Amino acid sequence: MSEFVEATDRLAEVRPAVSIFGSARVPPESPYYQLTETIAHKLSDAGLGVISGGGPGAMEAANKGAFGGHGPSIGLNIQLPHEQRSNPYQDISLGFRHFFARKYMFVRFAVAYVVMPGGFGTLDELMEALTLIQTRKSRQFPVILVGSSFWAGLIDWLKDRLVGEQMINPEDMNLIQVIDDPDQVVEAIFRHYETRGFAPLPAERELLLNL
């Protein structure tokens, strides 16, 4: 409960913000790292906060890019036996022992998800967001996959198996956008909100309260 209270208090004024996910294992010389840093910097310069997992790899790249821009760089760090270490590029750094509290904050305070190439943790965040939007337990927000060649197999499988075997509706695939260009990522987010603004609508506030 203390993790919920502290994080909610610290993040309440940080809006709008975009959550960026990706592998903790990509080194700084990786094209994925560099692409993540570029996207985060552009989002930050556009006035958006950037929320990452606060650790190494793509998380570090996201915080580093935002740290050099105008918007706040936020890290939601998780205590793990291995891999996770806090990166130094955070204006706001929060620590979590419990995954479920941390995952709640990613959704609660994000106006969009940008999903870089990653492993099980990245897929976990992606699928949870899609589930919440599909079941209307959360407001609809852009879910953008970056790296078309990396995600191509998953997209094909979702279409062939989940849509093909009627596990999801064909229109559920519209919840996902695949974009490689950093400028187009920023544009897609702003386009989604251009007629309504970033603030939650009254019905969406109710959804967020019951998330």
Protein backbone atom coordinates (compact mmCIF):
# COMPACT_ATOMS: atom_id res chain seq x y z
CA MET A 1 0.00 0.00 0.00
CA SER A 2 2.85 2.38 0.75
CA GLU A 3 4.16 1.89 -2.80
CA PHE A 4 0.78 2.89 -4.24
CA VAL A 5 0.51 5.96 -2.02
CA GLU A 6 4.05 7.26 -2.53
CA ALA A 7 4.06 6.71 -6.31
CA THR A 8 0.62 8.29 -6.76
CA ASP A 9 1.69 11.35 -4.78
CA ARG A 10 4.96 11.74 -6.70
CA LEU A 11 3.45 11.22 -10.14
CA ALA A 12 0.17 13.09 -9.74
CA GLU A 13 1.52 16.31 -11.28
CA VAL A 14 3.58 14.61 -14.01
CA ARG A 15 1.20 14.69 -16.96
CA PRO A 16 1.02 13.90 -19.75
CA ALA A 17 3.63 11.13 -19.88
CA VAL A 18 4.48 8.21 -22.13
CA SER A 19 5.61 4.81 -20.84
CA ILE A 20 8.48 3.26 -22.80
CA PHE A 21 9.35 -0.43 -22.47
CA GLY A 22 12.19 -2.52 -23.83
CA SER A 23 14.92 -4.99 -23.00
CA ALA A 24 17.22 -4.44 -20.04
CA ARG A 25 19.92 -6.31 -21.97
CA VAL A 26 20.59 -4.03 -24.94
CA PRO A 27 24.00 -2.28 -24.70
CA PRO A 28 24.50 1.43 -25.46
CA GLU A 29 25.99 0.60 -28.86
CA SER A 30 22.86 -1.28 -29.91
CA PRO A 31 20.66 0.34 -32.58
CA TYR A 32 17.69 -0.41 -30.30
CA TYR A 33 19.29 1.61 -27.48
CA GLN A 34 20.03 4.53 -29.77
CA LEU A 35 16.54 4.47 -31.30
CA THR A 36 14.96 4.42 -27.84
CA GLU A 37 17.06 7.38 -26.73
CA THR A 38 16.08 9.35 -29.85
CA ILE A 39 12.36 8.67 -29.40
CA ALA A 40 12.47 9.59 -25.70
CA HIS A 41 14.31 12.83 -26.44
CA LYS A 42 11.76 13.82 -29.07
CA LEU A 43 8.87 13.03 -26.72
CA SER A 44 10.51 15.05 -23.97
CA ASP A 45 11.16 18.01 -26.25
CA ALA A 46 7.50 17.86 -27.26
CA GLY A 47 6.56 18.46 -23.62
CA LEU A 48 5.76 14.90 -22.59
CA GLY A 49 7.16 13.12 -19.57
CA VAL A 50 8.82 9.77 -20.16
CA ILE A 51 8.32 6.83 -17.79
CA SER A 52 10.59 3.80 -17.96
CA GLY A 53 11.46 0.90 -15.72
CA GLY A 54 14.43 2.84 -14.38
CA GLY A 55 16.97 0.12 -15.08
CA PRO A 56 19.63 -0.55 -17.73
CA GLY A 57 19.30 -1.22 -21.46
CA ALA A 58 16.31 0.30 -23.23
CA MET A 59 15.08 1.64 -19.90
CA GLU A 60 18.29 3.61 -19.48
CA ALA A 61 18.07 4.82 -23.07
CA ALA A 62 14.52 6.09 -22.47
CA ASN A 63 15.50 7.95 -19.31
CA LYS A 64 18.68 9.30 -20.90
CA GLY A 65 16.81 10.67 -23.90
CA ALA A 66 14.16 12.31 -21.74
CA PHE A 67 16.75 13.61 -19.27
CA GLY A 68 18.30 15.65 -22.06
CA GLY A 69 14.96 17.13 -23.14
CA HIS A 70 12.34 19.44 -21.64
CA GLY A 71 9.97 16.89 -20.07
CA PRO A 72 10.63 14.95 -16.86
CA SER A 73 12.44 11.61 -16.90
CA ILE A 74 10.80 9.11 -14.55
CA GLY A 75 12.06 5.69 -13.49
CA LEU A 76 9.93 3.04 -11.80
CA ASN A 77 12.61 0.75 -10.45
CA ILE A 78 11.96 -2.84 -9.39
CA GLN A 79 14.03 -4.84 -6.92
CA LEU A 80 15.27 -8.02 -8.61
CA PRO A 81 17.93 -10.61 -7.74
CA HIS A 82 19.74 -9.80 -11.00
CA GLU A 83 19.78 -7.41 -13.98
CA GLN A 84 17.98 -4.47 -12.44
CA ARG A 85 20.11 -1.51 -11.39
CA SER A 86 18.96 2.08 -11.31
CA ASN A 87 20.25 4.29 -14.11
CA PRO A 88 21.44 7.85 -13.38
CA TYR A 89 19.15 9.67 -15.83
CA GLN A 90 16.05 10.14 -13.67
CA ASP A 91 14.41 13.34 -12.46
CA ILE A 92 12.01 11.21 -10.43
CA SER A 93 13.07 7.78 -9.23
CA LEU A 94 10.70 5.44 -7.42
CA GLY A 95 11.50 2.01 -6.02
CA PHE A 96 9.13 -0.96 -5.98
CA ARG A 97 9.30 -4.42 -4.45
CA HIS A 98 6.01 -5.52 -6.00
CA PHE A 99 5.49 -5.88 -9.74
CA PHE A 100 1.74 -5.32 -9.55
CA ALA A 101 2.09 -1.89 -7.94
CA ARG A 102 4.72 -0.86 -10.47
CA LYS A 103 2.65 -2.11 -13.42
CA TYR A 104 -0.35 -0.16 -12.18
CA MET A 105 1.66 3.07 -12.26
CA PHE A 106 2.78 2.49 -15.85
CA VAL A 107 -0.85 2.35 -16.98
CA ARG A 108 -2.29 4.89 -14.56
CA PHE A 109 -0.04 7.75 -15.58
CA ALA A 110 0.60 7.05 -19.27
CA VAL A 111 -1.15 8.57 -22.28
CA ALA A 112 0.62 6.12 -24.60
CA TYR A 113 2.85 3.03 -24.59
CA VAL A 114 5.95 2.89 -26.77
CA VAL A 115 7.19 -0.70 -26.86
CA MET A 116 10.73 -1.34 -28.02
CA PRO A 117 12.20 -4.81 -28.67
CA GLY A 118 12.37 -6.75 -25.42
CA GLY A 119 11.83 -10.00 -23.59
CA PHE A 120 9.22 -11.49 -21.25
CA GLY A 121 8.85 -8.33 -19.16
CA THR A 122 8.25 -6.19 -22.23
CA LEU A 123 5.71 -8.66 -23.59
CA ASP A 124 4.01 -8.74 -20.18
CA GLU A 125 3.51 -4.97 -20.20
CA LEU A 126 2.36 -5.02 -23.82
CA MET A 127 -0.23 -7.75 -23.34
CA GLU A 128 -1.55 -6.26 -20.12
CA ALA A 129 -2.14 -2.91 -21.84
CA LEU A 130 -3.90 -4.56 -24.78
CA THR A 131 -6.07 -6.61 -22.41
CA LEU A 132 -7.09 -3.56 -20.36
CA ILE A 133 -7.98 -1.57 -23.48
CA GLN A 134 -9.76 -4.48 -25.18
CA THR A 135 -11.89 -5.20 -22.10
CA ARG A 136 -12.48 -1.47 -21.52
CA LYS A 137 -11.02 -1.58 -18.04
CA SER A 138 -8.75 1.26 -19.15
CA ARG A 139 -9.17 4.18 -21.49
CA GLN A 140 -7.97 3.63 -25.02
CA PHE A 141 -4.49 4.98 -25.66
CA PRO A 142 -1.90 4.46 -28.41
CA VAL A 143 0.15 1.27 -28.14
CA ILE A 144 3.06 1.65 -30.52
CA LEU A 145 5.52 -1.12 -31.36
CA VAL A 146 8.87 0.16 -32.63
CA GLY A 147 10.96 -2.16 -34.77
CA SER A 148 8.83 -3.70 -37.51
CA SER A 149 11.31 -6.46 -38.30
CA PHE A 150 11.50 -7.47 -34.62
CA TRP A 151 7.73 -7.53 -34.12
CA ALA A 152 6.74 -8.97 -37.52
CA GLY A 153 6.57 -12.57 -36.31
CA LEU A 154 4.37 -11.68 -33.35
CA ILE A 155 2.01 -9.58 -35.49
CA ASP A 156 1.70 -12.41 -38.02
CA TRP A 157 1.00 -14.90 -35.23
CA LEU A 158 -1.67 -12.68 -33.68
CA LYS A 159 -3.39 -12.40 -37.06
CA ASP A 160 -3.00 -16.05 -38.04
CA ARG A 161 -3.78 -17.71 -34.73
CA LEU A 162 -5.75 -15.32 -32.52
CA VAL A 163 -7.82 -13.67 -35.24
CA GLY A 164 -7.79 -16.76 -37.48
CA GLU A 165 -9.11 -18.99 -34.69
CA GLN A 166 -11.50 -16.30 -33.40
CA MET A 167 -9.71 -15.83 -30.09
CA ILE A 168 -9.89 -12.06 -30.67
CA ASN A 169 -11.91 -9.91 -33.07
CA PRO A 170 -10.22 -8.64 -36.24
CA GLU A 171 -10.69 -5.04 -35.07
CA ASP A 172 -8.66 -5.78 -31.93
CA MET A 173 -5.56 -5.63 -34.11
CA ASN A 174 -6.29 -1.92 -34.54
CA LEU A 175 -5.20 -1.44 -30.93
CA ILE A 176 -1.60 -1.92 -32.11
CA GLN A 177 0.44 0.42 -34.29
CA VAL A 178 3.84 -0.52 -35.70
CA ILE A 179 6.00 2.53 -36.37
CA ASP A 180 9.75 2.74 -36.94
CA ASP A 181 10.34 6.46 -37.46
CA PRO A 182 10.80 8.49 -34.22
CA ASP A 183 9.02 11.57 -35.59
CA GLN A 184 6.06 9.45 -36.64
CA VAL A 185 5.88 7.93 -33.14
CA VAL A 186 5.49 11.41 -31.64
CA GLU A 187 3.02 12.40 -34.36
CA ALA A 188 0.85 9.33 -33.76
CA ILE A 189 0.53 10.13 -30.07
CA PHE A 190 -0.41 13.77 -30.63
CA ARG A 191 -2.80 12.82 -33.43
CA HIS A 192 -4.69 10.50 -31.07
CA TYR A 193 -5.33 13.36 -28.64
CA GLU A 194 -5.62 16.34 -31.00
CA THR A 195 -9.43 16.60 -30.80
CA ARG A 196 -9.78 15.90 -27.07
CA GLY A 197 -6.59 16.86 -25.21
CA PHE A 198 -4.47 14.69 -22.93
CA ALA A 199 -6.56 15.05 -19.78
CA PRO A 200 -8.85 12.10 -18.97
CA LEU A 201 -12.47 12.58 -19.90
CA PRO A 202 -15.02 12.20 -17.06
CA ALA A 203 -15.81 8.59 -17.98
CA GLU A 204 -12.09 7.83 -18.23
CA ARG A 205 -11.46 9.23 -14.75
CA GLU A 206 -13.95 6.69 -13.45
CA LEU A 207 -12.13 3.91 -15.29
CA LEU A 208 -8.79 4.99 -13.87
CA LEU A 209 -10.20 5.09 -10.34
CA ASN A 210 -11.34 1.48 -10.74
CA LEU A 211 -8.33 0.22 -12.69
